[in-house]
Amino acid sequence: MPSCSRRIVGRSRAMKLVIFGLAVSSSWGNGHAVLWRALIRAFARRGHQTVFFERDTPYYAQHRDLTHLEGGRLVLYKSWDDVLPFAKRELADADAGMVTSYCPDALGATALVLDAPCLHVFYDLDTPVTLAQLAAGQAVGYIAPDGLSPFDLVLSYTGGAALHALRQQLGARRIAPLYGSVDPNHYLPALLPGAPRAALSYLGTYSDDRQAALEVLFIEPARRWPHAHFVIGGAQYPDHFPWSPNILFWRHVASSDHPRFYASARCTLNVTRQAMAASGWCPSGRLFEAAACGTPILSDWWEALDEFFAPDQEILVVETTADVLRALERSDAELARLGAAARERALAAHTAERRAAELEMLLSQRWE
């Protein structure tokens, strides 16, 4: 067990957290990266250290937009066998070892973490997908056959009924939600001097299960307003995507460009993946980012959206093309008030600093 002589930071001793995850070095088609970067920076500001192990895959290497992990240490490795001795050494004096969903070496990392003298943590950043695969009778590649019961702590990006499902179906014993967040030092209202703004933006990797909603809430409004510009940013859009002449495409929006992207339109649209919408209690990180940038947000509805942002005051819920067009017809002043209220809520309740404090508390309970 790690020494109990670690120094105290505030109400908690300084901790070392070792993470085996998907990818933090590339935000290309990867929602985990931006979340981890903000959380690790905030965790470091609280006096803690993080080591993040990431397999160096060609897919992410081709689109790498980070080589130095601010507030932590990034370990890129070619194969699990090669990195195993080093990972063991890092875990030997760690306070917590964590395996995340979609870690490409999750099973090997799970065995290693469970054998280490520290708190054993699993963080499912994709709980709706996990539960959907279980419901379909499919194996979940990042969870060992004995489920989550061996872990001391299970964290879930999704709250609500999903927590009960993880207990019932995978044996999680101690479980808590750890939602997404935003670093307000990196996400600020931006200005694009001299450039007319689009009517609506959408930022997200292409997904088949979002396409029907995107047709209704983005593509059809663009068709009906041919005089206005609309902008999509993201990866993996297929050739058969139904573009119209007034839809502009920003192929890869690096995280450093997100504020500029949000500033490029009067409003931005959030469309939730089907598994996330069905589960509820699963806010996209894009909601927090756009809100911190003061951008008015239109979003489809999912259970507990109103726990994160107040409809009609901080966010506009849209279900039809007509809903979107009515929102876009609002005055600049109305939309500015909506964006300002969303930013105030994000800074009060959804910052990376807030989530880092929650993570610190959850990990520190080991020592009580």
Protein backbone atom coordinates (compact mmCIF):
# COMPACT_ATOMS: atom_id res chain seq x y z
CA MET A 1 0.00 0.00 0.00
CA PRO A 2 1.33 3.48 -0.74
CA SER A 3 2.87 5.25 2.18
CA CYS A 4 0.48 7.27 4.34
CA SER A 5 3.16 9.92 4.76
CA ARG A 6 2.10 11.75 1.59
CA ARG A 7 1.75 15.47 2.21
CA ILE A 8 -1.68 17.01 2.68
CA VAL A 9 -3.13 19.41 0.08
CA GLY A 10 -6.10 21.23 1.59
CA ARG A 11 -8.22 18.44 3.03
CA SER A 12 -6.52 15.73 0.94
CA ARG A 13 -2.97 14.35 0.66
CA ALA A 14 -1.13 14.76 -2.63
CA MET A 15 -1.91 11.77 -4.80
CA LYS A 16 -0.45 9.96 -7.77
CA LEU A 17 -2.98 8.67 -10.29
CA VAL A 18 -1.94 6.24 -13.04
CA ILE A 19 -4.40 5.97 -15.96
CA PHE A 20 -4.60 3.42 -18.75
CA GLY A 21 -6.87 5.04 -21.31
CA LEU A 22 -7.87 5.36 -24.95
CA ALA A 23 -6.05 8.50 -26.08
CA VAL A 24 -5.20 11.90 -24.69
CA SER A 25 -2.69 12.91 -27.37
CA SER A 26 -5.25 13.25 -30.18
CA SER A 27 -8.71 14.78 -30.16
CA TRP A 28 -9.41 13.39 -33.65
CA GLY A 29 -12.77 11.63 -33.40
CA ASN A 30 -12.10 11.15 -29.70
CA GLY A 31 -14.18 12.84 -27.02
CA HIS A 32 -12.02 11.43 -24.23
CA ALA A 33 -8.97 13.55 -25.04
CA VAL A 34 -10.29 17.02 -24.32
CA LEU A 35 -11.99 15.85 -21.13
CA TRP A 36 -8.79 14.28 -19.83
CA ARG A 37 -6.61 17.26 -20.70
CA ALA A 38 -8.81 19.63 -18.69
CA LEU A 39 -9.25 17.24 -15.78
CA ILE A 40 -5.54 16.45 -15.52
CA ARG A 41 -4.62 20.14 -15.56
CA ALA A 42 -7.14 20.83 -12.79
CA PHE A 43 -6.00 17.79 -10.80
CA ALA A 44 -2.42 19.09 -10.99
CA ARG A 45 -3.50 22.51 -9.74
CA ARG A 46 -4.77 20.71 -6.66
CA GLY A 47 -1.28 19.31 -6.07
CA HIS A 48 -1.67 15.84 -7.57
CA GLN A 49 0.26 14.04 -10.31
CA THR A 50 -1.09 11.95 -13.16
CA VAL A 51 0.61 9.47 -15.47
CA PHE A 52 -1.39 8.58 -18.58
CA PHE A 53 -0.53 5.42 -20.55
CA GLU A 54 -1.67 5.49 -24.19
CA ARG A 55 -0.97 2.95 -26.88
CA ASP A 56 0.69 4.71 -29.83
CA THR A 57 -1.74 3.73 -32.59
CA PRO A 58 -1.34 4.96 -36.21
CA TYR A 59 -4.91 6.34 -36.27
CA TYR A 60 -4.25 8.83 -33.48
CA ALA A 61 -0.57 9.36 -34.32
CA GLN A 62 -1.56 10.76 -37.73
CA HIS A 63 -3.73 13.39 -36.05
CA ARG A 64 -1.81 14.05 -32.85
CA ASP A 65 -2.40 17.54 -31.48
CA LEU A 66 -0.65 17.11 -28.12
CA THR A 67 2.80 15.82 -27.25
CA HIS A 68 3.22 17.30 -23.76
CA LEU A 69 0.47 16.62 -21.22
CA GLU A 70 0.11 19.80 -19.20
CA GLY A 71 -0.12 18.90 -15.51
CA GLY A 72 0.71 15.24 -16.10
CA ARG A 73 3.02 12.80 -17.84
CA LEU A 74 2.12 11.07 -21.08
CA VAL A 75 3.56 7.62 -21.78
CA LEU A 76 3.14 6.51 -25.39
CA TYR A 77 3.95 2.84 -25.98
CA LYS A 78 4.03 0.53 -28.97
CA SER A 79 3.06 -2.75 -27.31
CA TRP A 80 1.71 -3.84 -23.93
CA ASP A 81 4.57 -6.31 -23.38
CA ASP A 82 7.13 -3.56 -23.91
CA VAL A 83 5.54 -1.11 -21.47
CA LEU A 84 4.52 -3.64 -18.81
CA PRO A 85 7.66 -3.37 -16.62
CA PHE A 86 7.49 0.44 -16.64
CA ALA A 87 3.77 0.41 -15.86
CA LYS A 88 4.41 -1.86 -12.87
CA ARG A 89 7.00 0.57 -11.52
CA GLU A 90 4.63 3.52 -11.90
CA LEU A 91 1.87 1.68 -10.07
CA ALA A 92 4.18 0.63 -7.23
CA ASP A 93 3.97 4.04 -5.55
CA ALA A 94 0.61 5.15 -6.97
CA ASP A 95 -2.40 5.99 -4.83
CA ALA A 96 -4.81 4.91 -7.56
CA GLY A 97 -4.62 2.95 -10.78
CA MET A 98 -7.40 3.51 -13.29
CA VAL A 99 -8.54 1.65 -16.40
CA THR A 100 -10.97 3.40 -18.75
CA SER A 101 -13.48 2.29 -21.33
CA TYR A 102 -12.04 1.74 -24.82
CA CYS A 103 -8.50 1.39 -23.49
CA PRO A 104 -7.01 -0.86 -26.20
CA ASP A 105 -5.13 -2.91 -23.56
CA ALA A 106 -7.91 -2.79 -20.97
CA LEU A 107 -7.77 -6.46 -19.99
CA GLY A 108 -4.02 -6.48 -19.45
CA ALA A 109 -4.21 -3.13 -17.64
CA THR A 110 -7.04 -4.41 -15.44
CA ALA A 111 -4.98 -7.42 -14.33
CA LEU A 112 -2.01 -5.14 -13.63
CA VAL A 113 -4.01 -2.54 -11.69
CA LEU A 114 -5.83 -5.14 -9.60
CA ASP A 115 -2.48 -6.61 -8.61
CA ALA A 116 -1.06 -3.24 -7.58
CA PRO A 117 -1.00 -1.97 -3.95
CA CYS A 118 -3.30 1.00 -4.61
CA LEU A 119 -6.93 1.93 -5.10
CA HIS A 120 -8.36 0.02 -8.08
CA VAL A 121 -10.57 2.23 -10.28
CA PHE A 122 -12.52 1.76 -13.49
CA TYR A 123 -13.90 4.81 -15.30
CA ASP A 124 -16.56 4.13 -17.92
CA LEU A 125 -16.70 7.19 -20.14
CA ASP A 126 -19.06 5.30 -22.48
CA THR A 127 -21.61 3.77 -20.12
CA PRO A 128 -24.58 3.90 -22.55
CA VAL A 129 -22.51 2.01 -25.14
CA THR A 130 -21.42 -0.50 -22.50
CA LEU A 131 -25.01 -1.16 -21.45
CA ALA A 132 -26.25 -1.31 -25.05
CA GLN A 133 -23.66 -3.97 -25.87
CA LEU A 134 -24.66 -6.01 -22.84
CA ALA A 135 -28.35 -5.73 -23.81
CA ALA A 136 -27.47 -7.02 -27.28
CA GLY A 137 -25.63 -9.99 -25.77
CA GLN A 138 -22.26 -8.73 -26.98
CA ALA A 139 -18.99 -8.94 -25.10
CA VAL A 140 -17.62 -5.61 -23.89
CA GLY A 141 -14.00 -5.66 -24.93
CA TYR A 142 -12.71 -3.32 -22.22
CA ILE A 143 -14.31 -5.20 -19.29
CA ALA A 144 -12.94 -8.54 -18.07
CA PRO A 145 -15.27 -11.58 -17.82
CA ASP A 146 -15.65 -11.14 -14.04
CA GLY A 147 -17.10 -7.66 -14.60
CA LEU A 148 -16.49 -4.65 -12.39
CA SER A 149 -16.80 -6.30 -8.99
CA PRO A 150 -13.00 -6.52 -8.42
CA PHE A 151 -12.64 -2.73 -8.58
CA ASP A 152 -12.70 -0.66 -5.39
CA LEU A 153 -14.36 2.24 -7.22
CA VAL A 154 -16.29 2.51 -10.49
CA LEU A 155 -16.81 5.94 -12.02
CA SER A 156 -19.35 6.57 -14.76
CA TYR A 157 -19.67 9.50 -17.14
CA THR A 158 -23.40 8.70 -17.02
CA GLY A 159 -25.55 9.00 -13.92
CA GLY A 160 -29.14 8.13 -13.14
CA ALA A 161 -30.43 4.62 -13.80
CA ALA A 162 -27.14 3.68 -15.51
CA LEU A 163 -25.45 3.48 -12.11
CA HIS A 164 -27.97 0.87 -10.96
CA ALA A 165 -27.47 -1.05 -14.21
CA LEU A 166 -23.69 -1.18 -13.70
CA ARG A 167 -24.28 -2.59 -10.21
CA GLN A 168 -26.84 -5.15 -11.34
CA GLN A 169 -25.24 -6.28 -14.58
CA LEU A 170 -21.51 -5.89 -13.96
CA GLY A 171 -21.25 -6.13 -10.18
CA ALA A 172 -19.91 -2.64 -9.48
CA ARG A 173 -19.76 -2.25 -5.72
CA ARG A 174 -18.87 1.38 -5.01
CA ILE A 175 -19.98 3.60 -7.88
CA ALA A 176 -20.31 7.33 -8.53
CA PRO A 177 -20.91 9.61 -11.51
CA LEU A 178 -18.08 11.79 -12.78
CA TYR A 179 -19.56 13.96 -15.53
CA GLY A 180 -17.83 15.95 -18.22
CA SER A 181 -16.48 19.44 -17.67
CA VAL A 182 -14.77 22.40 -19.27
CA ASP A 183 -11.60 24.36 -18.57
CA PRO A 184 -12.70 28.02 -18.64
CA ASN A 185 -9.09 29.10 -19.21
CA HIS A 186 -9.19 27.38 -22.61
CA TYR A 187 -12.85 27.95 -23.53
CA LEU A 188 -13.69 31.64 -23.66
CA PRO A 189 -15.97 33.79 -25.80
CA ALA A 190 -14.10 34.55 -29.02
CA LEU A 191 -14.47 37.10 -31.79
CA LEU A 192 -14.01 36.60 -35.52
CA PRO A 193 -13.37 40.13 -36.83
CA GLY A 194 -14.58 40.81 -40.31
CA ALA A 195 -16.27 37.46 -40.86
CA PRO A 196 -20.07 37.18 -41.05
CA ARG A 197 -21.39 34.56 -38.68
CA ALA A 198 -23.25 31.46 -39.80
CA ALA A 199 -26.79 30.91 -38.56
CA LEU A 200 -26.01 27.60 -36.87
CA SER A 201 -23.03 25.34 -36.21
CA TYR A 202 -22.69 21.68 -35.32
CA LEU A 203 -19.51 20.12 -33.94
CA GLY A 204 -19.24 16.36 -33.74
CA THR A 205 -17.73 13.24 -35.26
CA TYR A 206 -20.04 11.64 -37.83
CA SER A 207 -22.24 8.90 -36.38
CA ASP A 208 -24.97 6.89 -38.11
CA ASP A 209 -27.14 6.96 -35.01
CA ARG A 210 -27.14 10.77 -34.94
CA GLN A 211 -27.84 11.20 -38.62
CA ALA A 212 -31.66 11.08 -38.50
CA ALA A 213 -31.76 13.83 -35.86
CA LEU A 214 -29.11 15.83 -37.71
CA GLU A 215 -31.27 15.68 -40.86
CA VAL A 216 -34.21 17.21 -38.97
CA LEU A 217 -32.37 19.70 -36.78
CA PHE A 218 -29.56 20.88 -39.06
CA ILE A 219 -29.73 19.77 -42.67
CA GLU A 220 -33.41 20.62 -43.26
CA PRO A 221 -33.09 24.07 -41.62
CA ALA A 222 -30.16 24.72 -43.96
CA ARG A 223 -32.28 23.73 -46.96
CA ARG A 224 -35.12 25.99 -45.87
CA TRP A 225 -32.79 28.94 -45.26
CA PRO A 226 -30.64 28.92 -48.42
CA HIS A 227 -29.78 32.59 -47.84
CA ALA A 228 -27.93 31.74 -44.59
CA HIS A 229 -24.74 29.81 -43.93
CA PHE A 230 -24.46 26.75 -41.69
CA VAL A 231 -21.21 25.11 -40.57
CA ILE A 232 -20.30 21.54 -39.55
CA GLY A 233 -17.03 20.57 -37.90
CA GLY A 234 -15.79 17.05 -37.24
CA ALA A 235 -14.23 13.89 -38.57
CA GLN A 236 -15.33 10.82 -40.54
CA TYR A 237 -18.08 12.40 -42.64
CA PRO A 238 -18.83 10.10 -45.60
CA ASP A 239 -18.98 11.12 -49.25
CA HIS A 240 -22.72 10.44 -49.31
CA PHE A 241 -23.47 12.98 -46.56
CA PRO A 242 -26.32 15.23 -47.80
CA TRP A 243 -24.43 18.49 -48.12
CA SER A 244 -26.16 21.58 -49.45
CA PRO A 245 -24.36 24.59 -50.99
CA ASN A 246 -24.82 26.71 -47.85
CA ILE A 247 -23.31 24.13 -45.44
CA LEU A 248 -19.63 24.82 -44.85
CA PHE A 249 -17.36 22.02 -43.60
CA TRP A 250 -14.52 22.40 -41.10
CA ARG A 251 -12.92 18.97 -41.42
CA HIS A 252 -10.94 18.74 -38.19
CA VAL A 253 -11.49 21.26 -35.44
CA ALA A 254 -8.59 20.93 -33.00
CA SER A 255 -9.49 21.58 -29.39
CA SER A 256 -7.57 24.87 -29.48
CA ASP A 257 -9.87 25.99 -32.31
CA HIS A 258 -13.15 25.12 -30.56
CA PRO A 259 -13.81 28.65 -29.21
CA ARG A 260 -13.23 30.08 -32.69
CA PHE A 261 -15.55 27.48 -34.16
CA TYR A 262 -18.33 28.31 -31.68
CA ALA A 263 -17.87 32.01 -32.41
CA SER A 264 -18.40 31.37 -36.12
CA ALA A 265 -22.19 31.00 -35.71
CA ARG A 266 -25.04 32.70 -33.84
CA CYS A 267 -26.01 29.36 -32.22
CA THR A 268 -24.65 25.83 -31.99
CA LEU A 269 -26.54 22.55 -32.09
CA ASN A 270 -26.09 19.55 -29.78
CA VAL A 271 -27.32 16.19 -31.09
CA THR A 272 -27.10 13.26 -28.69
CA ARG A 273 -26.18 9.73 -29.74
CA GLN A 274 -29.09 7.30 -29.42
CA ALA A 275 -27.59 5.23 -26.61
CA MET A 276 -26.80 8.38 -24.61
CA ALA A 277 -30.25 9.88 -25.22
CA ALA A 278 -31.96 6.62 -24.20
CA SER A 279 -29.94 6.47 -21.00
CA GLY A 280 -30.22 10.14 -20.05
CA TRP A 281 -27.95 11.74 -17.44
CA CYS A 282 -25.13 11.80 -20.01
CA PRO A 283 -24.19 15.36 -21.00
CA SER A 284 -21.89 15.78 -23.98
CA GLY A 285 -18.70 17.66 -23.28
CA ARG A 286 -19.65 19.92 -26.20
CA LEU A 287 -22.48 21.35 -24.07
CA PHE A 288 -20.05 22.57 -21.43
CA GLU A 289 -17.55 23.86 -23.99
CA ALA A 290 -20.10 25.85 -25.97
CA ALA A 291 -21.65 27.21 -22.78
CA ALA A 292 -18.27 28.37 -21.46
CA CYS A 293 -17.77 30.19 -24.77
CA GLY A 294 -21.06 31.99 -24.25
CA THR A 295 -22.56 30.40 -27.36
CA PRO A 296 -26.36 29.95 -27.42
CA ILE A 297 -27.09 26.20 -27.50
CA LEU A 298 -29.92 24.31 -29.18
CA SER A 299 -30.21 20.70 -28.03
CA ASP A 300 -32.37 17.65 -28.43
CA TRP A 301 -34.01 16.47 -25.21
CA TRP A 302 -32.78 13.67 -22.95
CA GLU A 303 -33.62 12.78 -19.37
CA ALA A 304 -31.99 15.15 -16.85
CA LEU A 305 -30.85 17.75 -19.37
CA ASP A 306 -32.55 20.21 -17.05
CA GLU A 307 -30.24 19.10 -14.21
CA PHE A 308 -27.31 20.58 -16.13
CA PHE A 309 -28.86 23.58 -17.92
CA ALA A 310 -32.25 25.26 -17.49
CA PRO A 311 -34.40 24.99 -20.65
CA ASP A 312 -35.50 28.33 -22.14
CA GLN A 313 -33.16 30.19 -19.79
CA GLU A 314 -29.74 28.60 -20.43
CA ILE A 315 -30.47 26.26 -23.34
CA LEU A 316 -33.17 25.84 -26.00
CA VAL A 317 -34.66 22.36 -26.48
CA VAL A 318 -35.53 21.59 -30.12
CA GLU A 319 -37.42 18.61 -31.50
CA THR A 320 -38.43 19.70 -35.01
CA THR A 321 -37.13 21.75 -37.92
CA ALA A 322 -39.67 24.42 -37.03
CA ASP A 323 -38.28 24.59 -33.47
CA VAL A 324 -34.80 25.26 -34.88
CA LEU A 325 -35.98 27.95 -37.27
CA ARG A 326 -37.94 29.69 -34.50
CA ALA A 327 -34.80 29.70 -32.37
CA LEU A 328 -32.74 31.15 -35.21
CA GLU A 329 -35.32 33.90 -35.70
CA ARG A 330 -34.67 35.21 -32.18
CA SER A 331 -32.94 38.55 -31.93
CA ASP A 332 -29.22 38.86 -31.27
CA ALA A 333 -30.05 40.31 -27.85
CA GLU A 334 -32.21 37.33 -26.88
CA LEU A 335 -29.57 34.86 -27.99
CA ALA A 336 -26.83 36.81 -26.21
CA ARG A 337 -28.79 36.59 -22.94
CA LEU A 338 -29.18 32.85 -23.40
CA GLY A 339 -25.46 32.40 -24.08
CA ALA A 340 -24.48 34.53 -21.09
CA ALA A 341 -26.74 32.53 -18.78
CA ALA A 342 -25.30 29.24 -20.07
CA ARG A 343 -21.76 30.53 -19.50
CA GLU A 344 -22.62 31.56 -15.95
CA ARG A 345 -24.01 28.08 -15.23
CA ALA A 346 -21.00 26.34 -16.76
CA LEU A 347 -18.54 28.40 -14.72
CA ALA A 348 -20.51 27.79 -11.53
CA ALA A 349 -21.18 24.08 -11.84
CA HIS A 350 -19.33 22.37 -14.69
CA THR A 351 -15.67 23.36 -14.62
CA ALA A 352 -12.77 20.92 -14.69
CA GLU A 353 -11.75 22.32 -11.29
CA ARG A 354 -15.13 21.26 -9.91
CA ARG A 355 -14.77 17.73 -11.35
CA ALA A 356 -11.17 17.47 -10.14
CA ALA A 357 -12.36 18.25 -6.61
CA GLU A 358 -15.00 15.52 -6.95
CA LEU A 359 -12.40 13.05 -8.20
CA GLU A 360 -10.06 13.99 -5.37
CA MET A 361 -12.81 13.37 -2.81
CA LEU A 362 -13.72 9.98 -4.31
CA LEU A 363 -10.10 8.80 -4.40
CA SER A 364 -9.34 10.19 -0.93
CA GLN A 365 -12.07 8.15 0.71
CA ARG A 366 -9.65 5.22 0.48
CA TRP A 367 -7.68 6.82 3.27
CA GLU A 368 -10.53 7.59 5.69
